[in-house]
Amino acid sequence: MSDWMVAQSSPARRRPRALSPFQEHLRDTFWFAPTAAMVSVFVVWVAAQALDTAIVGALREDGDYEALDELLRFAEDAKAVVTAVGSAMMTFIGVVFSISLVAVQMASGQFTPRVVRLFVRSRITKATFAVFLATFVLTLLVLTSFDTVDDPRKVTTLPLVQSVLTLCMVALSLLLFVLYVNSTLRLMRISHVIARIAAESFRVVASMPGQGDGRDAPSLGPVTAWVPHEGGAGVLRDVHIARLLRVARKHGVVLRLIPRIGDFVVPGTPLLAVHGGAAPPRGALRRTASVGVERTYHQDLGFGLRQLSDIALRALSPAINDPTTAVQALDRIVQLLAALSRCPLDTALHRDRGGTVRLVRPVPGWSALVDLGFAEVRGCAAGSPQVSRRMLAGLDDLLLLAPPGRREPLLRHRALLCQAVDRTVPSPADRAFAQRPDRQGIG
């Protein structure tokens, strides 16, 4: 197999900057960006109000009451515009909210409920809501700054800078509204949803530690202590790797995570195994593991394959019967498995700054990932020649890319698929057609 084929099987190995679990969890929330925008616009309004007061004060000191009279007439016109903007922004917010609900409902029903996370994590959706709410809050604040005094000799402040700032926010809102509609329409198309899932999965693959460093896994020795899970029951979303590394280095031990990211954990079950010393204090390990109600992309290597498999299964269900969508999902499943075909799996070794392994984290093995990508889809592919042909072509491509030690699960799925086609399809000609590899399925 040529080096070119290996290079083309996976994306560039530039490791992205890893975000902390707290930052990742903020990306999974929808309240933070609008709240931060409203607080920020209040600070900006205070600064703009102070600037307006300084401008009016300078004109009064210079005795330029004619200019102040002109500004008073400008303020009256600006007040009408700001009032209209405030009313329109509430309508805009309602429209955006309605579009989001419809898009989420359609995507979850047609693809899989787990793709709702893509809408929640969408930066353009958060930015649109944030700017719209900030503009509405700004209009309310600006309306409080209008002076009721008509005499230019008695006026103390006029919202000049504030009015210009409001118009700028309106222009930004209109731009973001166009971008938001375009982004939402893209996310409602299955090809873009699948591409987003694959992109998030490749971020996890690229952040995997210990790839290509040439160092073997050390012997951990016997378990010297156990650390139970003391939080609530739920899905293990991620662990704070940097904090666990600091704790393990400080106490001179190696920590081994027992459950895999994405497992459901209950209180009292073992969470960490300690090798080489006593267990660190409970306070040091507090908030190092995050448990929630659903899986996340952050450190979950198999979550992307899980979603792609769900989309393919939903597409092959009798209610939807969309084999082309299943083929698109298989394209990305093959792409992900090709990128993982030569990566070290089963365990992820996290080292401290001195190069010593301090945290061992279990990750899915090659056989488990292949089963995740193909097992369930294979059960529904026998009756669809388009899907069976695409799956056979994908398995053949992976057999070319995978090292000899990782070909067994691929050969097993290929044989099982051919057996299922033989049982399902009665005609020999149709069986031969369904078992002919084709990267486009039928085209």
Foldseek 3Di string as FASTA:
>chain_A
DDPVLLCVLADDLDADDADFPVVVVVLQAQPPLQVVLQVVLVVVLVVLQVVQLVVLVVCLVVVVLVVLLVLLVVLVVLLVVLVVLLVVLVVVLVVLVVLLVVLLVLCCVQFNNVLNSVVSNDPLSSVLNNLSSNLNSLSVVQNVQDDPDNRSNPDRGGSPVSSVVSVVSVVVNVVSVVVSVVVSVQCSDLLSSLVVLLVLLSSLVSNFPDWPPPDDDDDQDDFPDFDWDADAWAAFAAFRVVLLQVQLVVFVWAKEADDAHGDIHHGPHTGITIGDDDDGDPVSRPPGIDGDHGYDSNNANQPSLLSLQSRLVSCLDPVNVHNQSNLSSLVSLLSSLSNCQPTDAQWGFDADPVRHTRYIHGHDDSLVSLCSNQVVSLVRCLVPLLNLQQLLQSLVSSCVRHDPVNNVSSVVSLVVSLVSNPVPDPDPVVSVSSNHHDNRSVD
